[in-house]
Protein backbone atom coordinates (compact mmCIF):
# COMPACT_ATOMS: atom_id res chain seq x y z
CA MET A 1 67.08 1.71 60.14
CA THR A 2 68.33 -1.33 61.20
CA SER A 3 67.61 -3.47 57.97
CA ILE A 4 70.73 -1.58 55.91
CA PHE A 5 73.17 -3.06 58.11
CA LYS A 6 72.26 -6.61 58.14
CA ALA A 7 74.77 -6.64 55.36
CA VAL A 8 77.64 -4.95 57.19
CA GLY A 9 78.29 -7.88 59.62
CA LEU A 10 81.66 -9.65 59.00
CA SER A 11 82.07 -13.32 58.33
CA LEU A 12 83.71 -14.02 61.28
CA ALA A 13 85.80 -16.81 62.66
CA LEU A 14 84.17 -20.27 63.84
CA ALA A 15 81.80 -19.99 61.01
CA VAL A 16 83.13 -23.21 59.40
CA THR A 17 85.36 -25.91 61.50
CA PRO A 18 87.25 -27.24 59.19
CA VAL A 19 89.36 -30.85 59.55
CA ILE A 20 92.74 -30.20 61.53
CA SER A 21 95.58 -32.72 60.82
CA GLN A 22 95.90 -34.08 64.27
CA ALA A 23 100.02 -33.46 64.28
CA GLN A 24 101.36 -33.18 67.21
CA GLY A 25 100.65 -29.47 68.60
CA LEU A 26 98.27 -28.41 66.06
CA ALA A 27 95.03 -30.01 67.41
CA GLY A 28 95.78 -28.94 70.81
CA ALA A 29 96.74 -25.44 69.77
CA TYR A 30 93.79 -25.06 67.15
CA LEU A 31 91.31 -26.05 70.27
CA ALA A 32 92.49 -24.22 73.11
CA GLY A 33 92.43 -21.06 70.15
CA ASN A 34 88.91 -21.97 69.45
CA GLN A 35 87.99 -22.41 72.91
CA ALA A 36 89.07 -19.11 74.00
CA ASN A 37 87.62 -17.48 70.72
CA ARG A 38 84.26 -18.40 72.11
CA ASP A 39 85.17 -17.32 75.04
CA ASN A 40 86.12 -13.91 73.83
CA ASN A 41 89.45 -14.44 75.30
CA TYR A 42 91.23 -12.66 72.71
CA SER A 43 94.46 -12.01 73.61
CA GLU A 44 94.75 -16.33 74.51
CA ALA A 45 93.15 -16.88 71.28
CA ALA A 46 95.41 -14.89 69.24
CA ARG A 47 98.58 -16.79 71.03
CA TYR A 48 97.31 -20.28 70.13
CA TYR A 49 96.26 -19.31 66.85
CA THR A 50 99.83 -18.19 66.63
CA LYS A 51 101.05 -21.68 67.77
CA ALA A 52 98.65 -23.10 65.63
CA LEU A 53 100.09 -21.10 62.38
CA THR A 54 103.63 -22.66 62.95
CA ARG A 55 103.12 -25.67 62.13
CA ASP A 56 100.17 -24.84 59.34
CA PRO A 57 100.99 -21.61 58.17
CA SER A 58 98.77 -21.44 55.31
CA SER A 59 95.44 -22.53 56.41
CA PRO A 60 92.82 -20.04 55.63
CA PHE A 61 90.95 -20.82 59.01
CA LEU A 62 93.69 -20.44 61.17
CA LEU A 63 94.58 -17.40 59.52
CA GLN A 64 91.08 -16.30 59.22
CA ASN A 65 90.85 -16.89 63.22
CA ALA A 66 94.05 -15.23 64.35
CA LEU A 67 93.06 -12.02 62.21
CA LEU A 68 90.00 -11.74 64.18
CA ALA A 69 91.77 -12.18 67.55
CA PHE A 70 94.85 -9.72 66.77
CA VAL A 71 91.88 -7.24 65.80
CA ALA A 72 89.66 -7.88 68.80
CA LYS A 73 92.56 -7.79 71.20
CA GLY A 74 93.83 -4.29 69.50
CA ASP A 75 97.05 -5.62 67.99
CA VAL A 76 95.64 -4.13 64.25
CA LYS A 77 99.65 -3.78 63.03
CA ARG A 78 100.02 -7.58 63.73
CA ALA A 79 96.86 -8.31 62.10
CA THR A 80 97.94 -6.80 59.10
CA ALA A 81 100.60 -9.11 57.96
CA ILE A 82 98.02 -11.74 58.47
CA ALA A 83 95.99 -10.29 56.29
CA ARG A 84 98.05 -9.81 53.60
CA LYS A 85 98.97 -13.61 53.67
CA ILE A 86 95.32 -14.33 53.45
CA ALA A 87 94.85 -11.34 50.57
CA SER A 88 97.49 -13.57 48.56
CA GLY A 89 95.74 -16.86 49.14
CA PRO A 90 92.39 -17.98 47.18
CA LEU A 91 90.07 -17.24 49.72
CA GLY A 92 88.63 -13.98 49.51
CA SER A 93 87.98 -12.19 53.44
CA GLN A 94 86.33 -8.89 54.08
CA LEU A 95 87.75 -8.79 57.41
CA ALA A 96 91.52 -9.18 55.80
CA ASP A 97 90.17 -6.26 53.38
CA LEU A 98 89.25 -3.86 55.59
CA VAL A 99 92.45 -4.37 58.07
CA LEU A 100 94.42 -3.40 54.64
CA ILE A 101 92.02 -0.38 54.09
CA ALA A 102 92.81 0.75 57.08
CA ASP A 103 96.60 0.02 57.33
CA ALA A 104 96.97 1.81 53.76
CA VAL A 105 95.06 4.85 54.59
CA ARG A 106 96.71 4.95 58.06
CA GLU A 107 100.08 5.20 55.67
CA ASP A 108 97.97 7.92 53.46
CA ASP A 109 98.45 5.18 50.37
CA PHE A 110 94.81 5.85 49.13
CA SER A 111 95.39 4.43 45.88
CA GLU A 112 96.34 1.28 47.73
CA ALA A 113 92.85 1.60 49.36
CA ALA A 114 91.06 2.79 46.82
CA ALA A 115 92.33 -0.67 44.74
CA ILE A 116 91.66 -3.08 47.39
CA LEU A 117 87.57 -1.59 47.44
CA SER A 118 87.58 -1.68 43.78
CA ASP A 119 88.82 -5.64 43.87
CA GLY A 120 86.55 -6.32 46.98
CA GLU A 121 82.95 -4.51 46.15
CA GLU A 122 81.27 -8.10 46.41
CA ARG A 123 82.09 -8.57 49.62
CA PHE A 124 80.97 -4.96 51.28
CA SER A 125 77.54 -3.68 52.17
CA PRO A 126 76.90 -0.42 49.90
CA LEU A 127 76.65 1.50 52.90
CA MET A 128 80.71 0.04 54.07
CA PHE A 129 81.13 0.26 50.34
CA GLU A 130 80.30 4.14 49.59
CA LEU A 131 81.04 5.13 52.82
CA LEU A 132 84.59 4.11 52.65
CA SER A 133 84.91 5.06 48.98
CA GLY A 134 83.63 8.53 49.49
CA TRP A 135 86.47 9.52 51.78
CA VAL A 136 89.19 7.54 49.72
CA GLN A 137 88.39 9.50 46.59
CA LEU A 138 88.57 12.67 48.95
CA GLY A 139 91.84 11.43 50.03
CA LEU A 140 93.02 11.15 46.57
CA GLY A 141 92.23 14.66 45.93
CA GLN A 142 89.00 14.21 44.14
CA MET A 143 86.43 15.88 46.29
CA SER A 144 83.83 15.58 43.24
CA SER A 145 84.04 11.85 43.25
CA ALA A 146 83.97 11.76 46.83
CA VAL A 147 80.80 14.35 47.07
CA ALA A 148 79.07 11.93 44.42
CA ARG A 149 79.56 8.57 46.21
CA PHE A 150 77.94 9.95 49.00
CA ASP A 151 74.99 11.51 47.45
CA SER A 152 74.27 8.12 45.20
CA MET A 153 73.53 7.06 48.81
CA GLU A 154 69.98 7.79 48.23
CA ASN A 155 67.30 4.92 49.28
CA PRO A 156 66.47 3.81 51.89
CA THR A 157 66.05 6.85 54.32
CA ALA A 158 68.67 5.96 56.70
CA MET A 159 71.14 5.31 54.07
CA ARG A 160 70.99 8.42 53.06
CA LEU A 161 71.06 10.07 56.29
CA PHE A 162 74.50 8.56 56.64
CA GLY A 163 75.68 9.48 53.36
CA GLN A 164 74.58 13.12 53.59
CA TYR A 165 76.56 13.07 57.10
CA HIS A 166 79.32 11.96 55.99
CA LYS A 167 78.97 14.41 52.99
CA ALA A 168 78.65 17.31 55.33
CA LEU A 169 82.02 16.47 57.19
CA ALA A 170 83.64 16.31 54.03
CA LEU A 171 82.95 19.54 52.67
CA ALA A 172 83.81 20.94 56.15
CA VAL A 173 87.28 19.20 55.31
CA VAL A 174 87.67 21.37 52.49
CA GLY A 175 86.36 24.22 54.41
CA ASP A 176 82.87 24.69 52.71
CA PHE A 177 81.66 25.08 56.28
CA GLU A 178 78.38 26.52 55.14
CA THR A 179 76.96 24.40 52.78
CA ALA A 180 78.30 21.29 55.16
CA GLU A 181 76.10 23.31 57.72
CA LYS A 182 73.29 23.58 56.13
CA ILE A 183 73.33 19.50 55.04
CA ILE A 184 73.92 18.66 58.61
CA ALA A 185 71.16 20.71 60.07
CA GLY A 186 68.85 18.44 58.15
CA ASP A 187 65.83 19.05 56.05
CA GLU A 188 62.56 17.92 55.61
CA LYS A 189 63.83 14.43 54.74
CA GLY A 190 65.47 14.14 58.50
CA ASN A 191 68.03 15.35 61.22
CA LEU A 192 71.62 14.82 60.76
CA ARG A 193 72.18 15.13 64.29
CA LEU A 194 72.60 10.94 64.61
CA ASN A 195 75.04 10.67 66.99
CA ARG A 196 77.33 12.79 69.57
CA GLY A 197 79.77 13.17 66.88
CA SER A 198 77.03 14.92 64.71
CA VAL A 199 76.30 17.49 67.79
CA ILE A 200 79.93 18.90 68.08
CA ALA A 201 80.44 18.73 64.47
CA HIS A 202 77.05 21.40 64.30
CA ALA A 203 77.88 23.14 67.44
CA GLN A 204 81.32 24.05 65.48
CA LEU A 205 80.34 24.61 62.17
CA LEU A 206 77.57 27.55 63.43
CA SER A 207 80.83 28.72 65.76
CA GLN A 208 83.10 29.17 62.72
CA LEU A 209 79.87 30.75 61.01
CA ASP A 210 79.65 33.63 63.67
CA ARG A 211 76.10 31.68 65.21
CA GLY A 212 77.40 30.75 68.48
CA ASP A 213 73.94 31.21 70.22
CA GLU A 214 72.48 28.75 67.87
CA ALA A 215 75.49 26.39 68.84
CA LEU A 216 74.23 26.61 72.18
CA GLU A 217 71.30 26.10 72.15
CA ILE A 218 72.04 22.77 70.55
CA LEU A 219 74.83 22.05 73.24
CA ASP A 220 72.09 22.86 76.11
CA THR A 221 69.54 20.53 74.72
CA ALA A 222 72.18 17.73 74.12
CA ASN A 223 73.74 17.97 77.25
CA ALA A 224 70.35 18.39 79.30
CA GLY A 225 69.88 15.72 81.93
CA THR A 226 73.57 14.02 80.88
CA GLN A 227 76.92 15.36 82.96
CA ASP A 228 79.37 15.29 79.58
CA GLN A 229 82.37 17.01 80.03
CA GLY A 230 83.15 17.24 76.51
CA LEU A 231 79.71 19.03 75.69
CA LYS A 232 80.35 20.84 78.79
CA GLN A 233 83.68 22.30 78.01
CA LEU A 234 83.12 22.73 74.10
CA ARG A 235 79.48 24.75 75.68
CA ASP A 236 82.27 27.02 77.73
CA ALA A 237 84.41 27.68 74.63
CA ILE A 238 81.94 28.74 72.19
CA ALA A 239 80.36 30.99 74.89
CA ASP A 240 83.93 33.30 75.16
CA GLY A 241 84.35 33.11 71.45
CA VAL A 242 85.10 31.41 67.68
CA VAL A 243 86.01 28.13 68.27
CA ASP A 244 88.26 26.04 65.82
CA TYR A 245 86.31 23.36 63.51
CA ASP A 246 88.73 20.16 64.53
CA PHE A 247 85.92 17.29 64.29
CA ILE A 248 86.70 15.62 60.89
CA LEU A 249 89.79 17.07 59.53
CA ASP A 250 91.09 15.07 57.35
CA ALA A 251 90.68 11.90 54.83
CA LYS A 252 92.29 9.48 57.73
CA GLN A 253 89.92 10.57 60.48
CA GLY A 254 86.85 10.67 58.27
CA THR A 255 87.96 6.79 57.30
CA ALA A 256 87.99 6.16 61.13
CA GLU A 257 84.18 7.89 61.10
CA VAL A 258 83.35 5.56 59.06
CA PHE A 259 84.13 2.51 61.15
CA PHE A 260 83.10 4.63 64.72
CA THR A 261 79.62 5.11 62.77
CA LEU A 262 79.02 1.09 62.04
CA ALA A 263 80.25 0.21 65.42
CA SER A 264 77.93 2.54 67.10
CA VAL A 265 75.24 1.16 65.16
CA LEU A 266 75.43 -2.60 65.49
CA THR A 267 76.45 -1.68 68.84
CA GLY A 268 72.84 -4.24 70.33
CA GLU A 269 71.62 -5.04 66.57
CA GLN A 270 73.91 -7.64 65.72
CA ASN A 271 77.06 -10.10 67.15
CA GLU A 272 78.86 -7.58 69.21
CA ARG A 273 81.97 -8.54 67.84
CA PHE A 274 81.05 -6.77 64.63
CA SER A 275 81.50 -3.28 66.46
CA LEU A 276 84.55 -4.17 68.64
CA ILE A 277 86.25 -4.78 64.83
CA TYR A 278 84.75 -1.61 63.78
CA ALA A 279 86.04 -0.33 66.86
CA ARG A 280 89.22 -1.06 66.76
CA LEU A 281 89.79 0.06 62.86
CA ALA A 282 88.76 3.51 64.31
CA GLN A 283 91.24 3.43 67.10
CA TYR A 284 93.56 2.22 64.25
CA LEU A 285 93.27 5.11 62.37
CA ARG A 286 92.85 7.97 65.13
CA PRO A 287 94.66 6.30 68.20
CA ASP A 288 92.82 9.39 70.10
CA TYR A 289 89.85 8.94 69.10
CA THR A 290 88.19 9.16 72.89
CA GLU A 291 84.72 7.77 71.66
CA ALA A 292 86.30 4.65 70.15
CA ILE A 293 88.33 4.06 72.98
CA LEU A 294 85.37 4.37 75.27
CA LEU A 295 82.79 1.95 73.26
CA THR A 296 85.63 -0.73 72.76
CA ALA A 297 86.05 -0.73 76.45
CA GLU A 298 82.32 -0.85 77.29
CA ILE A 299 82.02 -4.06 74.55
CA LEU A 300 85.04 -5.67 76.05
CA GLN A 301 83.32 -5.45 79.16
CA ASP A 302 80.07 -6.72 77.99
CA GLN A 303 81.99 -9.44 76.81
CA LYS A 304 83.63 -9.80 80.18
CA GLN A 305 87.12 -8.84 79.02
CA PHE A 306 87.96 -7.26 82.26
CA ASP A 307 91.23 -6.68 81.75
CA LEU A 308 91.20 -5.90 77.99
CA ALA A 309 88.75 -3.18 78.64
CA THR A 310 90.37 -1.58 81.72
CA LYS A 311 93.67 -1.45 80.04
CA THR A 312 91.37 0.23 77.43
CA PHE A 313 89.86 2.56 79.51
CA ALA A 314 92.86 3.54 81.20
CA SER A 315 94.19 5.15 77.89
CA VAL A 316 91.97 7.50 77.89
CA SER A 317 94.43 10.71 78.64
CA PRO A 318 93.95 12.70 81.84
CA ASP A 319 93.75 15.84 79.65
CA ASP A 320 90.86 14.72 78.08
CA PRO A 321 87.46 15.67 78.51
CA MET A 322 86.26 12.49 78.53
CA PHE A 323 88.84 11.60 81.38
CA VAL A 324 86.23 11.37 84.02
CA ASN A 325 83.71 8.78 82.13
CA ALA A 326 86.59 6.69 81.16
CA GLU A 327 88.15 6.09 84.87
CA LEU A 328 84.40 6.01 85.56
CA GLY A 329 83.88 3.20 83.33
CA ARG A 330 87.36 1.89 84.44
CA ALA A 331 86.52 1.18 87.96
CA ASP A 332 83.32 -0.21 86.70
CA ALA A 333 85.01 -2.72 85.08
CA LEU A 334 87.56 -3.02 87.88
CA GLU A 335 83.94 -4.00 90.17
CA ASP A 336 82.83 -6.38 87.80
CA ALA A 337 86.02 -7.98 88.16
CA GLU A 338 85.54 -8.32 91.89
CA LYS A 339 89.02 -6.16 92.07
CA HIS A 340 86.30 -3.94 94.81
CA ASP A 341 89.59 -2.60 96.46
CA ALA A 342 91.05 -1.29 92.65
CA ALA A 343 88.10 0.00 92.04
CA ILE A 344 87.64 2.11 95.11
CA GLU A 345 91.22 3.07 94.74
CA VAL A 346 90.33 4.55 91.31
CA LEU A 347 87.25 6.86 92.17
CA ARG A 348 88.94 7.95 95.75
CA GLY A 349 91.87 9.38 92.74
CA LEU A 350 88.80 10.63 90.31
CA ALA A 351 87.55 12.09 93.58
CA ARG A 352 90.65 13.92 94.28
CA SER A 353 91.45 15.35 90.33
CA HIS A 354 87.68 16.10 89.88
CA GLY A 355 86.16 16.71 92.77
CA ASN A 356 83.50 19.64 91.75
CA VAL A 357 81.72 16.31 89.60
CA PRO A 358 79.02 15.16 91.46
CA ARG A 359 78.79 12.06 89.59
CA VAL A 360 81.89 11.44 91.07
CA HIS A 361 81.11 11.00 94.39
CA MET A 362 77.99 9.56 93.55
CA SER A 363 79.92 6.35 92.19
CA LEU A 364 82.01 6.03 94.48
CA GLY A 365 79.38 5.61 97.48
CA ASP A 366 77.66 3.45 95.01
CA VAL A 367 80.61 0.84 95.44
CA LEU A 368 81.72 1.31 98.85
CA ARG A 369 77.64 1.10 99.77
CA SER A 370 77.65 -2.17 97.73
CA LYS A 371 80.79 -3.44 100.29
CA GLU A 372 78.68 -2.35 103.04
CA ARG A 373 80.85 0.41 103.83
CA TYR A 374 78.13 2.66 104.70
CA SER A 375 79.23 5.15 106.83
CA ASP A 376 82.08 5.92 103.93
CA ALA A 377 79.11 5.88 101.62
CA THR A 378 77.09 8.27 103.30
CA GLU A 379 80.47 10.80 103.10
CA ALA A 380 80.49 10.32 99.73
CA TYR A 381 76.80 10.97 98.93
CA ASP A 382 77.22 13.67 100.94
CA ARG A 383 79.55 15.15 99.19
CA ALA A 384 77.44 14.80 95.90
CA VAL A 385 75.09 16.63 97.41
CA ALA A 386 76.71 19.29 98.50
CA LEU A 387 77.72 19.89 94.84
CA ILE A 388 74.05 19.88 93.64
CA PRO A 389 72.30 23.17 95.05
CA VAL A 390 68.76 22.36 93.17
CA PRO A 391 68.31 18.88 92.71
CA ALA A 392 66.73 17.91 89.64
CA PRO A 393 64.25 14.59 89.31
CA ASN A 394 66.82 12.52 87.97
CA HIS A 395 68.71 12.72 91.02
CA TRP A 396 66.37 10.84 93.39
CA PHE A 397 68.47 7.91 93.04
CA LEU A 398 70.94 9.83 94.88
CA PHE A 399 68.98 10.44 98.00
CA TYR A 400 67.35 7.26 97.88
CA ALA A 401 70.86 5.76 98.23
CA ARG A 402 71.99 7.98 101.40
CA GLY A 403 68.47 6.94 102.65
CA ILE A 404 69.94 3.22 102.50
CA THR A 405 73.38 4.08 103.61
CA ASN A 406 71.58 6.04 106.73
CA GLU A 407 68.77 3.48 107.68
CA ARG A 408 71.79 1.09 107.67
CA THR A 409 73.50 2.89 110.20
CA ASN A 410 70.93 3.42 112.53
CA ASN A 411 70.28 7.04 111.16
CA TRP A 412 66.62 6.65 110.65
CA GLU A 413 65.68 10.16 111.04
CA ASP A 414 67.71 10.93 107.94
CA ALA A 415 67.24 8.04 106.27
CA GLU A 416 63.93 9.18 106.66
CA MET A 417 64.63 12.56 105.23
CA ASN A 418 66.26 11.35 102.51
CA PHE A 419 63.45 8.84 101.27
CA ARG A 420 61.43 11.19 101.76
CA ARG A 421 63.74 13.74 99.81
CA ALA A 422 63.42 11.34 96.77
CA LEU A 423 59.94 10.88 96.53
CA GLU A 424 59.66 14.85 95.88
CA LEU A 425 61.90 14.29 93.36
CA SER A 426 59.97 11.16 91.77
CA PRO A 427 56.64 10.55 93.28
CA ASN A 428 55.67 7.00 93.60
CA GLN A 429 58.74 5.78 92.24
CA PRO A 430 58.28 2.21 93.47
CA LEU A 431 61.91 1.63 94.69
CA VAL A 432 61.55 4.42 97.44
CA MET A 433 58.10 3.32 98.11
CA ASN A 434 59.20 0.09 98.97
CA TYR A 435 62.58 0.85 101.19
CA LEU A 436 60.36 3.29 103.26
CA GLY A 437 57.63 1.61 102.86
CA TYR A 438 59.62 -1.41 104.39
CA SER A 439 61.65 0.10 107.18
CA MET A 440 58.63 1.38 108.43
CA VAL A 441 56.78 -1.85 108.78
CA GLU A 442 60.19 -3.42 110.47
CA LYS A 443 60.05 -0.39 113.12
CA GLU A 444 56.25 -0.81 113.59
CA ILE A 445 55.63 2.76 112.72
CA ASN A 446 53.16 4.61 110.33
CA LEU A 447 52.05 1.43 109.46
CA GLU A 448 49.04 2.34 107.36
CA GLU A 449 50.86 4.76 105.66
CA ALA A 450 53.77 2.14 104.78
CA GLN A 451 50.83 -0.45 103.60
CA GLU A 452 49.82 2.24 101.22
CA MET A 453 52.87 3.00 99.82
CA ILE A 454 54.20 -0.62 99.59
CA GLU A 455 50.36 -1.22 97.75
CA LYS A 456 51.57 1.36 95.12
CA ALA A 457 54.74 -0.04 94.53
CA VAL A 458 53.54 -3.73 93.99
CA ALA A 459 50.96 -2.05 91.52
CA ALA A 460 54.00 -0.25 89.44
CA ARG A 461 55.90 -3.26 89.40
CA PRO A 462 54.14 -6.56 89.89
CA GLN A 463 57.08 -8.80 88.91
CA ASP A 464 59.24 -7.78 91.75
CA GLY A 465 59.36 -10.11 94.26
CA TYR A 466 60.77 -8.14 96.81
CA ILE A 467 58.60 -5.39 96.77
CA THR A 468 55.55 -8.31 96.64
CA ASP A 469 57.33 -10.10 99.82
CA SER A 470 57.40 -6.43 101.65
CA LEU A 471 53.18 -6.39 101.10
CA GLY A 472 52.85 -9.23 102.51
CA TRP A 473 55.11 -8.69 105.45
CA VAL A 474 52.75 -5.36 106.16
CA LEU A 475 50.09 -7.39 105.84
CA TYR A 476 51.76 -9.65 108.27
CA ILE A 477 52.82 -7.44 110.94
CA VAL A 478 50.12 -5.53 110.87
CA GLY A 479 47.86 -9.25 111.87
CA LYS A 480 46.06 -9.80 108.49
CA PHE A 481 47.32 -13.38 108.50
CA GLU A 482 45.32 -14.26 105.67
CA ASP A 483 45.64 -11.78 103.58
CA ALA A 484 49.05 -12.00 103.61
CA VAL A 485 49.43 -15.99 102.07
CA ALA A 486 48.94 -14.94 98.63
CA PRO A 487 51.26 -12.14 98.68
CA MET A 488 53.84 -14.01 100.15
CA GLU A 489 53.28 -17.03 98.40
CA ARG A 490 53.75 -14.92 95.40
CA ALA A 491 56.85 -13.25 96.27
CA VAL A 492 58.59 -17.21 96.96
CA GLU A 493 57.84 -17.63 93.46
CA LEU A 494 59.03 -14.69 91.93
CA VAL A 495 61.99 -14.84 94.03
CA SER A 496 62.39 -18.93 94.94
CA ASP A 497 66.09 -18.77 96.52
CA ASP A 498 65.92 -15.70 98.39
CA PRO A 499 66.25 -17.19 102.45
CA ILE A 500 64.13 -14.10 103.97
CA ILE A 501 61.20 -14.34 101.75
CA ASN A 502 61.53 -18.30 102.46
CA ASP A 503 60.98 -17.36 106.02
CA HIS A 504 58.52 -14.68 105.85
CA LEU A 505 56.24 -16.58 103.59
CA GLY A 506 57.10 -19.92 106.85
CA ASP A 507 56.05 -16.96 109.24
CA VAL A 508 52.57 -16.38 107.51
CA TYR A 509 51.61 -20.05 107.13
CA TRP A 510 52.75 -20.36 110.80
CA MET A 511 49.93 -17.98 111.90
CA VAL A 512 47.56 -19.35 109.55
CA GLY A 513 47.82 -22.77 111.28
CA ARG A 514 50.15 -24.42 108.54
CA THR A 515 52.69 -25.64 110.70
CA ARG A 516 54.31 -28.15 108.91
CA GLU A 517 54.36 -25.78 105.69
CA ALA A 518 55.94 -23.44 107.89
CA GLU A 519 58.64 -25.52 109.14
CA PHE A 520 59.29 -26.91 105.60
CA GLN A 521 60.06 -23.24 104.36
CA TRP A 522 62.10 -22.16 107.52
CA ARG A 523 64.41 -25.27 106.21
CA ARG A 524 64.09 -24.24 102.95
CA ALA A 525 65.43 -20.87 103.82
CA LEU A 526 68.41 -22.15 106.04
CA SER A 527 69.44 -23.92 102.50
CA PHE A 528 69.98 -20.85 101.16
CA LYS A 529 72.24 -19.45 103.24
CA PRO A 530 71.44 -16.66 105.39
CA GLU A 531 73.37 -14.23 107.82
CA LYS A 532 74.14 -15.75 110.49
CA LYS A 533 71.59 -13.91 112.88
CA ASP A 534 68.81 -14.80 110.82
CA ALA A 535 70.19 -18.76 110.34
CA ASP A 536 69.91 -18.80 114.12
CA ARG A 537 66.37 -17.13 114.59
CA MET A 538 65.35 -19.55 111.78
CA ARG A 539 66.68 -22.90 113.93
CA ARG A 540 64.84 -21.28 117.39
CA LYS A 541 61.58 -21.31 115.39
CA LEU A 542 62.52 -24.99 113.95
CA ASP A 543 63.09 -25.97 117.62
CA VAL A 544 60.51 -24.33 119.51
CA GLY A 545 57.90 -23.03 117.28
CA LEU A 546 57.12 -18.91 116.07
CA ASP A 547 55.19 -18.37 119.39
CA ALA A 548 57.44 -19.25 121.58
CA VAL A 549 60.50 -16.98 119.80
CA LEU A 550 58.03 -14.12 119.60
CA THR A 551 56.99 -14.46 123.11
CA GLU A 552 61.18 -14.67 124.00
CA GLU A 553 61.85 -11.68 122.08
CA LYS A 554 58.96 -9.67 123.82
CA ALA A 555 60.10 -10.44 127.08
CA LEU A 556 63.91 -9.82 125.64
CA LYS A 557 62.61 -5.96 124.74
CA THR A 558 60.51 -5.54 127.91
CA ALA A 559 63.92 -6.24 129.89
CA SER A 560 66.02 -4.23 127.93
CA GLY A 561 63.41 -1.26 127.75
CA ASN A 562 63.00 -0.79 123.97
CA GLU A 563 59.64 -2.33 124.08
CA ASN A 564 56.92 -0.64 121.65
């Protein structure tokens, strides 16, 4: 499918770097704008390019870069004025054409949109041109022409699928639900349930045709293993009776769906700026299109534009079915921005307003656990577990995470119970086997079982240095020092800058008589800034040797009554 989208990408900014006049103020603003552009800092790029344009208002390069920045930051209205200036100049621009088409459609001026498409046909891929043309024809009241456009998209197969999907949506707009449903259900040439939107459209069409049971089956299949509140609410509504068809109601929303279709397909396929531009145009035409909002925010978060991402997530209305998803995304963006307290506050607010959603409490627990607030995290995980009467296999991580917070708060009995429950849900899960096995090694209990678990974990994830370290350490604890050397050396190869892994290798070297190498590893471990208690122990080993340290530690255990 990827090949038909290769020509969909835009000619984005910085493809050509012109020689810029060194007039005072221009070069500095231009260079600053370019740097902001490279950093995906669209707000700053827009500001600097605007400043540069005051000194060179006709520069096609500045205009194109400014256009990109304004669209990417979400100010499509401001971008429209720039697009008009580009269109009136000597150089054509696909991005300018798309912005002007979107603005014309937004203003219900489909004649203008059709003229722009016709004049710039060579600048569009066949996929984009035909999809946009089909909806513009519908906006002009030319349904037959619209259908002909969508039907012309025959080859390759992927192009046909998208053409027929949009044809079905167009037929639904004019009330031909029966034909629309037949198309979207697919045929021997392909299934048209291409994305979440197509599932919603199909379920609503089936409901309108009094085929609610089929709609429920489709929604149950689509929502299996997920927590999509929008699909769940639609399912509940259909179960209660016939629901209205409202997925795409007119040519304006249909055009928005074209941009969203392209944005979704290009995510992860090409430069994600393409996806961002199309998602912004979809939002411009349909400001309440939650899926486009969430996709935009996720792209911005991936580009490390956390303030813009947070603002975009926050634009989803609290009464929207996807509000929970948006708030979870906002908290995640705040976490990435290292605004941990703000993220926790968002999640606590969500726990108050949507306390019946397990994922909310799980996410809160994860953030609290990452900040080493283990008791608070355990409480959040407890609330999540209480909301899941019959845990499914995919809930293994919840019990694993709660096991970690129990273990961190010295509640070993509950920790072991949670780890073993996680393994019941996901047998031979390497992360769980490693953590449980390593914990038993540290406590010097069930060592044979611990070694067996860790060996299985290493076999499952041989490139994981932490799990390989666990294997070396269990061999060390049971006194198989020579056997421990190879896995410990391998662990350091895989994770060279971890202080504990390097420290462990030093202990293993000491026990096999390689004392100078052991001292080197302890010094190396200290260079990676371990926690104070670990650093103190490393320094003591360097002062008196591991044998003396072990003797001292055994004496302390005996004196305190904690000897195993």
